[in-house]
Amino acid sequence: MPHFRTYDEAELHYRVLGPADSPLPPLVCLAGGPGRDAASAPLAYGRWDEQLRLALPCAK
């Protein structure tokens, strides 16, 4: 799973959905409640990933 390392060495993992060749920057989508993470995002965001790249932070 890709990750971003912060200035204090914490690793923030995320998942990317959507076409890699999209000319638009990724849309960062935040989970909508406790215990929800990137795994449940396809249900919440419907078909947005067909045209946009979505960056979904993992809450684990």
Protein backbone atom coordinates (compact mmCIF):
# COMPACT_ATOMS: atom_id res chain seq x y z
CA MET A 1 0.00 0.00 0.00
CA PRO A 2 1.48 3.42 -0.85
CA HIS A 3 2.30 5.74 2.00
CA PHE A 4 3.42 9.26 2.81
CA ARG A 5 6.03 9.88 5.52
CA THR A 6 5.44 13.00 7.61
CA TYR A 7 8.07 15.30 9.08
CA ASP A 8 7.93 13.37 12.36
CA GLU A 9 8.43 10.00 10.60
CA ALA A 10 4.81 8.83 10.88
CA GLU A 11 3.61 6.79 7.90
CA LEU A 12 0.18 7.64 6.51
CA HIS A 13 -1.06 4.88 4.21
CA TYR A 14 -3.56 5.47 1.44
CA ARG A 15 -5.21 3.74 -1.50
CA VAL A 16 -5.56 5.22 -5.01
CA LEU A 17 -8.53 4.42 -7.26
CA GLY A 18 -9.29 5.59 -10.77
CA PRO A 19 -7.45 6.01 -14.05
CA ALA A 20 -3.70 6.60 -13.76
CA ASP A 21 -3.75 8.73 -16.94
CA SER A 22 -6.29 11.27 -15.63
CA PRO A 23 -5.13 14.86 -16.37
CA LEU A 24 -6.76 16.03 -13.12
CA PRO A 25 -5.04 15.95 -9.73
CA PRO A 26 -6.26 13.26 -7.31
CA LEU A 27 -9.26 14.06 -5.16
CA VAL A 28 -8.56 13.28 -1.49
CA CYS A 29 -11.63 11.62 0.04
CA LEU A 30 -11.92 11.40 3.81
CA ALA A 31 -13.85 8.59 5.48
CA GLY A 32 -17.19 9.52 6.97
CA GLY A 33 -17.15 7.92 10.38
CA PRO A 34 -15.38 5.90 13.04
CA GLY A 35 -14.04 2.59 11.83
CA ARG A 36 -14.53 3.34 8.14
CA ASP A 37 -11.46 3.24 5.94
CA ALA A 38 -10.45 3.01 2.29
CA ALA A 39 -11.92 -0.49 1.95
CA SER A 40 -15.47 0.86 2.25
CA ALA A 41 -14.92 3.83 -0.06
CA PRO A 42 -16.07 2.25 -3.35
CA LEU A 43 -19.55 1.91 -1.84
CA ALA A 44 -19.57 5.48 -0.53
CA TYR A 45 -18.15 7.20 -3.63
CA GLY A 46 -20.05 5.24 -6.24
CA ARG A 47 -18.62 5.58 -9.73
CA TRP A 48 -16.43 8.64 -9.21
CA ASP A 49 -13.36 6.47 -9.74
CA GLU A 50 -14.30 5.92 -13.40
CA GLN A 51 -13.23 9.46 -14.34
CA LEU A 52 -11.30 10.81 -11.33
CA ARG A 53 -8.31 9.58 -9.36
CA LEU A 54 -9.29 9.22 -5.71
CA ALA A 55 -6.79 9.18 -2.86
CA LEU A 56 -8.32 7.38 0.12
CA PRO A 57 -6.46 7.54 3.43
CA CYS A 58 -6.41 4.31 5.43
CA ALA A 59 -7.71 4.78 8.97
CA LYS A 60 -5.79 1.82 10.44
